[in-house]
Amino acid sequence: MEFIRGLYNVKPHHKGCVLTIGKFDGVHRGHQAVLANVLEKAKSLSLPATVMVFEPQPEEVFMPDMAPARISPLREKYELLHQQGVDRLLAVRFNAEFAKQSADTFVHDLLVDKLGVRFLVVGDDFRFGNGRKGDFEMLEAAGRQYGFEVVSTHSFTMHAHRISSTAVREALADSEFGLSTEMLGRPFAIHGRVVHGEKKGRTIGFPTANVMLKRQRTPIHGVFAVRVDVDGEHFNGVANIGTRPTVNGVRNQLEVHIFDLSSDLYGKPITVFPMAKIRDEIKFDSFEMLKEQIQADAAQARLLLA
């Protein structure tokens, strides 16, 4: 799959496509249903199936403190879209300047002149352009003017509930991992590369593999029983996802103690699957109290994963 980062990398040979625009956070089963339609249309027109996302997402620019947690960062989103068979991913840099352009400019300069869109799929609540003045009806009118077809995404339901990124986040926040797996079509996982930490865990007999979380927010927080994939092998463990208040941490990170593994993991990619929540993250008055709690957490994780 071709990855186009930024509009300045859109070249003349990219003109002509079947396009869908959205966040595609999580690439859940609802997204997958939309993508299947996009791929079918692209095949019938002999054009590349293209997904456009905005990076960062608009909410992360205009209201960062209230922006929803990301289910999948951009790198993971790329991999998931690739697995669905998408031909191109266009990540448009979203900033205040981009947001100021008129809806007409967005349609004429980007969709028509740069991308040569022939078939467009968006949600019927899609808004774009300065003041969010562009809407689905405007796109339909533009399609008639410039010769492209516009259709809306249709809600994909399961158990009478609409599948959405919001619903997936809510399931994850409630530690309903079975439900999130159904909606995503796969288990939720955190992928990352192990980095050097402060090595305080090993002083109390619980060395951890540390992964910095680049999401502005994470959809889950706390202590979890987890399964971990390392170099094609599978292990059990206990993980903390949060800021580590006992040691006055400020950045979100994942710390996972992997049972029955003593090898050096620095620099290696790992995948962590949360299986059950044990407790919320709390600040302890002493490192000794934290040690006692970790011992209890590890024992509970072993039981949950047995």
Protein backbone atom coordinates (compact mmCIF):
# COMPACT_ATOMS: atom_id res chain seq x y z
CA MET A 1 0.00 0.00 0.00
CA GLU A 2 1.29 3.43 -0.91
CA PHE A 3 1.53 5.98 1.89
CA ILE A 4 1.29 9.65 0.91
CA ARG A 5 2.20 11.92 3.80
CA GLY A 6 1.14 15.51 3.13
CA LEU A 7 -0.53 17.15 0.14
CA TYR A 8 2.83 18.25 -1.24
CA ASN A 9 3.55 14.60 -1.99
CA VAL A 10 0.43 14.21 -4.14
CA LYS A 11 1.79 13.94 -7.68
CA PRO A 12 0.08 14.09 -11.10
CA HIS A 13 0.09 10.29 -11.38
CA HIS A 14 -2.08 10.11 -8.25
CA LYS A 15 -4.98 11.75 -10.08
CA GLY A 16 -7.95 9.46 -10.50
CA CYS A 17 -9.23 7.41 -7.54
CA VAL A 18 -12.10 6.03 -5.56
CA LEU A 19 -11.87 7.91 -2.27
CA THR A 20 -13.21 7.63 1.23
CA ILE A 21 -12.55 10.24 3.93
CA GLY A 22 -12.68 9.60 7.67
CA LYS A 23 -10.76 8.92 10.85
CA PHE A 24 -10.87 5.12 10.54
CA ASP A 25 -9.74 4.91 14.15
CA GLY A 26 -9.42 1.25 15.00
CA VAL A 27 -10.45 0.15 11.50
CA HIS A 28 -13.33 -1.73 13.16
CA ARG A 29 -15.88 -3.95 11.47
CA GLY A 30 -18.00 -0.96 10.52
CA HIS A 31 -15.01 0.57 8.74
CA GLN A 32 -14.24 -2.78 7.17
CA ALA A 33 -17.74 -2.93 5.67
CA VAL A 34 -17.27 0.55 4.18
CA LEU A 35 -13.84 -0.36 2.83
CA ALA A 36 -15.21 -3.50 1.19
CA ASN A 37 -17.62 -1.33 -0.80
CA VAL A 38 -14.85 1.12 -1.69
CA LEU A 39 -12.60 -1.71 -2.88
CA GLU A 40 -15.40 -3.23 -4.97
CA LYS A 41 -16.11 0.12 -6.66
CA ALA A 42 -12.40 0.78 -7.22
CA LYS A 43 -12.02 -2.59 -8.90
CA SER A 44 -14.99 -1.99 -11.18
CA LEU A 45 -13.54 1.38 -12.26
CA SER A 46 -9.94 0.11 -12.42
CA LEU A 47 -8.87 2.88 -10.06
CA PRO A 48 -6.90 2.83 -6.79
CA ALA A 49 -8.90 2.59 -3.56
CA THR A 50 -7.73 5.56 -1.52
CA VAL A 51 -8.31 6.50 2.12
CA MET A 52 -7.84 10.09 3.28
CA VAL A 53 -7.26 10.82 6.97
CA PHE A 54 -6.35 14.03 8.75
CA GLU A 55 -3.24 14.02 10.92
CA PRO A 56 -3.45 15.15 13.65
CA GLN A 57 -7.20 14.68 13.95
CA PRO A 58 -9.15 17.98 14.05
CA GLU A 59 -10.17 17.56 17.71
CA GLU A 60 -6.52 17.15 18.67
CA VAL A 61 -5.83 20.56 17.15
CA PHE A 62 -8.81 22.55 18.38
CA MET A 63 -9.56 20.91 21.74
CA PRO A 64 -6.61 18.69 22.68
CA ASP A 65 -7.76 18.22 26.28
CA MET A 66 -11.08 16.78 25.12
CA ALA A 67 -9.93 14.83 22.07
CA PRO A 68 -10.91 11.16 22.22
CA ALA A 69 -8.28 8.54 22.95
CA ARG A 70 -6.91 6.89 19.83
CA ILE A 71 -7.60 3.22 19.37
CA SER A 72 -4.93 3.00 16.67
CA PRO A 73 -2.09 5.46 16.05
CA LEU A 74 -1.27 6.32 12.44
CA ARG A 75 1.36 3.61 12.01
CA GLU A 76 -1.02 0.91 13.19
CA LYS A 77 -3.84 2.39 11.10
CA TYR A 78 -1.61 2.05 8.04
CA GLU A 79 -1.05 -1.63 8.76
CA LEU A 80 -4.74 -2.30 9.35
CA LEU A 81 -5.80 -0.53 6.13
CA HIS A 82 -3.12 -2.43 4.24
CA GLN A 83 -4.57 -5.69 5.55
CA GLN A 84 -7.97 -4.66 4.16
CA GLY A 85 -6.51 -4.25 0.67
CA VAL A 86 -6.49 -0.45 0.40
CA ASP A 87 -4.18 0.84 -2.35
CA ARG A 88 -3.29 4.27 -0.96
CA LEU A 89 -3.40 6.08 2.36
CA LEU A 90 -3.24 9.89 2.17
CA ALA A 91 -2.51 11.59 5.49
CA VAL A 92 -3.36 15.29 5.14
CA ARG A 93 -1.66 17.52 7.67
CA PHE A 94 -4.42 19.23 9.63
CA ASN A 95 -3.65 22.60 11.17
CA ALA A 96 -5.29 26.00 11.59
CA GLU A 97 -4.22 27.10 8.11
CA PHE A 98 -5.73 24.04 6.44
CA ALA A 99 -8.93 24.52 8.44
CA LYS A 100 -9.29 28.09 7.12
CA GLN A 101 -9.68 27.08 3.49
CA SER A 102 -13.18 27.33 2.10
CA ALA A 103 -15.33 24.30 1.39
CA ASP A 104 -15.24 25.21 -2.32
CA THR A 105 -11.41 25.19 -2.26
CA PHE A 106 -11.37 21.79 -0.54
CA VAL A 107 -13.60 20.34 -3.26
CA HIS A 108 -12.12 22.04 -6.32
CA ASP A 109 -8.41 22.16 -5.48
CA LEU A 110 -8.04 18.92 -3.53
CA LEU A 111 -10.76 16.50 -4.53
CA VAL A 112 -11.07 17.48 -8.18
CA ASP A 113 -7.76 18.99 -9.32
CA LYS A 114 -5.28 17.03 -7.19
CA LEU A 115 -7.01 13.70 -6.66
CA GLY A 116 -9.40 13.52 -9.60
CA VAL A 117 -11.93 11.70 -7.46
CA ARG A 118 -14.41 9.60 -9.46
CA PHE A 119 -16.33 8.06 -6.58
CA LEU A 120 -16.48 9.43 -3.03
CA VAL A 121 -17.66 7.72 0.15
CA VAL A 122 -18.18 9.81 3.31
CA GLY A 123 -20.44 9.80 6.33
CA ASP A 124 -23.64 11.80 5.84
CA ASP A 125 -22.54 13.95 8.80
CA PHE A 126 -19.16 14.80 7.22
CA ARG A 127 -18.30 18.51 7.55
CA PHE A 128 -15.39 20.34 5.95
CA GLY A 129 -14.05 23.76 5.05
CA ASN A 130 -13.89 27.03 6.97
CA GLY A 131 -16.64 27.13 9.60
CA ARG A 132 -17.54 23.53 8.68
CA LYS A 133 -19.78 24.96 5.96
CA GLY A 134 -19.25 22.07 3.58
CA ASP A 135 -21.62 19.13 3.99
CA PHE A 136 -22.92 16.05 2.22
CA GLU A 137 -25.42 17.99 0.10
CA MET A 138 -22.65 20.28 -1.11
CA LEU A 139 -20.56 17.27 -2.10
CA GLU A 140 -23.51 15.82 -4.03
CA ALA A 141 -23.91 19.10 -5.90
CA ALA A 142 -20.16 19.23 -6.60
CA GLY A 143 -20.32 15.66 -7.85
CA ARG A 144 -22.96 16.60 -10.38
CA GLN A 145 -20.86 19.59 -11.45
CA TYR A 146 -17.50 17.85 -11.73
CA GLY A 147 -18.59 14.36 -12.66
CA PHE A 148 -18.06 12.20 -9.58
CA GLU A 149 -20.52 10.14 -7.58
CA VAL A 150 -21.03 10.61 -3.83
CA VAL A 151 -22.49 8.01 -1.47
CA SER A 152 -22.79 7.88 2.30
CA THR A 153 -21.50 5.20 4.61
CA HIS A 154 -24.20 3.05 6.11
CA SER A 155 -24.22 2.12 9.75
CA PHE A 156 -23.04 -1.42 10.40
CA THR A 157 -24.85 -3.00 13.33
CA MET A 158 -24.22 -5.91 15.65
CA HIS A 159 -26.53 -6.95 18.48
CA ALA A 160 -28.75 -4.00 17.50
CA HIS A 161 -25.97 -1.54 18.33
CA ARG A 162 -24.11 0.59 15.85
CA ILE A 163 -20.41 -0.19 15.64
CA SER A 164 -18.38 2.98 16.01
CA SER A 165 -14.99 4.03 17.30
CA THR A 166 -16.78 5.61 20.26
CA ALA A 167 -18.49 2.31 21.09
CA VAL A 168 -15.13 0.50 20.88
CA ARG A 169 -13.53 3.06 23.22
CA GLU A 170 -16.39 2.64 25.69
CA ALA A 171 -16.01 -1.14 25.64
CA LEU A 172 -12.26 -0.81 26.22
CA ALA A 173 -12.76 1.72 29.02
CA ASP A 174 -15.16 -0.73 30.70
CA SER A 175 -12.65 -3.58 30.17
CA GLU A 176 -15.20 -5.43 28.04
CA PHE A 177 -12.49 -6.96 25.88
CA GLY A 178 -14.76 -9.64 24.44
CA LEU A 179 -17.11 -6.96 23.11
CA SER A 180 -14.27 -4.83 21.75
CA THR A 181 -12.88 -7.91 19.98
CA GLU A 182 -16.27 -8.50 18.32
CA MET A 183 -16.48 -4.89 17.13
CA LEU A 184 -12.86 -4.65 15.98
CA GLY A 185 -12.80 -8.08 14.40
CA ARG A 186 -9.57 -8.78 16.32
CA PRO A 187 -8.31 -8.43 19.90
CA PHE A 188 -7.27 -4.92 20.95
CA ALA A 189 -3.49 -4.72 21.27
CA ILE A 190 -0.76 -2.22 22.00
CA HIS A 191 2.28 -2.45 19.77
CA GLY A 192 5.60 -0.82 20.52
CA ARG A 193 9.34 -1.08 20.79
CA VAL A 194 10.94 -1.67 24.18
CA VAL A 195 12.95 1.31 25.46
CA HIS A 196 15.20 1.80 28.47
CA GLY A 197 13.32 2.83 31.59
CA GLU A 198 14.44 3.87 35.05
CA LYS A 199 15.03 0.20 35.94
CA LYS A 200 13.32 0.58 39.30
CA GLY A 201 11.25 -2.54 38.74
CA ARG A 202 14.24 -4.84 38.72
CA THR A 203 15.30 -3.56 42.15
CA ILE A 204 12.17 -5.15 43.62
CA GLY A 205 12.26 -8.31 41.53
CA PHE A 206 9.85 -7.17 38.84
CA PRO A 207 11.81 -6.04 35.76
CA THR A 208 9.58 -4.47 33.15
CA ALA A 209 9.62 -3.95 29.40
CA ASN A 210 8.81 -0.28 28.83
CA VAL A 211 7.02 1.11 25.78
CA MET A 212 6.38 4.83 25.32
CA LEU A 213 2.80 5.48 24.21
CA LYS A 214 2.69 8.11 21.49
CA ARG A 215 -1.08 8.45 21.62
CA GLN A 216 -2.15 11.73 23.19
CA ARG A 217 -4.50 9.61 25.24
CA THR A 218 -4.87 5.89 25.68
CA PRO A 219 -8.25 4.13 25.62
CA ILE A 220 -7.37 2.03 28.68
CA HIS A 221 -5.63 2.87 31.96
CA GLY A 222 -4.66 0.84 34.97
CA VAL A 223 -3.18 -2.56 35.76
CA PHE A 224 -4.04 -5.53 33.55
CA ALA A 225 -3.42 -9.22 33.13
CA VAL A 226 -1.92 -9.44 29.64
CA ARG A 227 -0.64 -11.78 26.99
CA VAL A 228 2.54 -10.70 25.24
CA ASP A 229 3.99 -11.64 21.86
CA VAL A 230 7.78 -11.41 21.57
CA ASP A 231 9.70 -12.75 18.57
CA GLY A 232 6.83 -15.04 17.66
CA GLU A 233 6.60 -16.51 21.18
CA HIS A 234 3.67 -16.01 23.55
CA PHE A 235 3.94 -15.16 27.25
CA ASN A 236 1.72 -14.07 30.10
CA GLY A 237 2.33 -11.03 32.24
CA VAL A 238 1.02 -8.09 34.20
CA ALA A 239 1.09 -4.55 32.83
CA ASN A 240 0.60 -1.01 34.02
CA ILE A 241 -0.70 1.52 31.52
CA GLY A 242 -0.55 5.09 32.76
CA THR A 243 1.74 7.75 34.17
CA ARG A 244 3.24 5.89 37.19
CA PRO A 245 2.17 8.39 39.89
CA THR A 246 4.18 6.69 42.66
CA VAL A 247 7.41 7.77 40.92
CA ASN A 248 5.89 11.12 39.83
CA GLY A 249 5.67 10.13 36.18
CA VAL A 250 4.02 12.50 33.70
CA ARG A 251 4.03 10.70 30.34
CA ASN A 252 1.79 7.81 29.40
CA GLN A 253 3.68 4.59 29.03
CA LEU A 254 3.24 0.85 29.14
CA GLU A 255 5.24 -1.18 31.66
CA VAL A 256 4.84 -4.93 31.38
CA HIS A 257 6.38 -7.58 33.61
CA ILE A 258 6.54 -10.74 31.50
CA PHE A 259 6.32 -13.98 33.45
CA ASP A 260 9.03 -16.59 32.93
CA LEU A 261 11.13 -14.48 30.56
CA SER A 262 14.55 -13.16 31.48
CA SER A 263 16.07 -12.24 28.09
CA ASP A 264 17.03 -8.69 27.12
CA LEU A 265 14.21 -7.07 25.16
CA TYR A 266 15.65 -3.58 24.59
CA GLY A 267 14.95 -2.39 21.07
CA LYS A 268 12.63 -5.31 20.28
CA PRO A 269 9.02 -4.87 19.12
CA ILE A 270 6.39 -6.41 21.37
CA THR A 271 2.63 -6.74 21.18
CA VAL A 272 0.59 -6.62 24.37
CA PHE A 273 -2.98 -7.92 24.57
CA PRO A 274 -4.90 -6.80 27.69
CA MET A 275 -7.09 -9.68 28.88
CA ALA A 276 -8.59 -8.49 32.16
CA LYS A 277 -8.36 -5.39 34.33
CA ILE A 278 -7.03 -5.88 37.84
CA ARG A 279 -7.26 -2.37 39.27
CA ASP A 280 -6.92 1.34 38.57
CA GLU A 281 -3.55 3.04 38.74
CA ILE A 282 -3.00 4.66 42.15
CA LYS A 283 -0.22 6.48 43.94
CA PHE A 284 1.40 4.63 46.84
CA ASP A 285 3.02 6.32 49.81
CA SER A 286 6.18 4.26 49.51
CA PHE A 287 8.05 2.08 47.06
CA GLU A 288 7.72 -0.81 49.52
CA MET A 289 3.92 -0.54 49.38
CA LEU A 290 4.10 -0.50 45.59
CA LYS A 291 6.23 -3.66 45.68
CA GLU A 292 3.67 -5.46 47.83
CA GLN A 293 0.86 -4.44 45.49
CA ILE A 294 2.79 -5.56 42.39
CA GLN A 295 3.30 -8.96 44.01
CA ALA A 296 -0.44 -9.20 44.58
CA ASP A 297 -1.18 -7.98 41.03
CA ALA A 298 1.17 -10.55 39.52
CA ALA A 299 -0.40 -13.37 41.55
CA GLN A 300 -3.89 -12.29 40.45
CA ALA A 301 -2.77 -12.02 36.81
CA ARG A 302 -1.40 -15.56 36.89
CA LEU A 303 -4.76 -16.82 38.18
CA LEU A 304 -6.74 -14.86 35.58
CA LEU A 305 -4.57 -16.18 32.76
CA ALA A 306 -4.37 -19.78 33.94
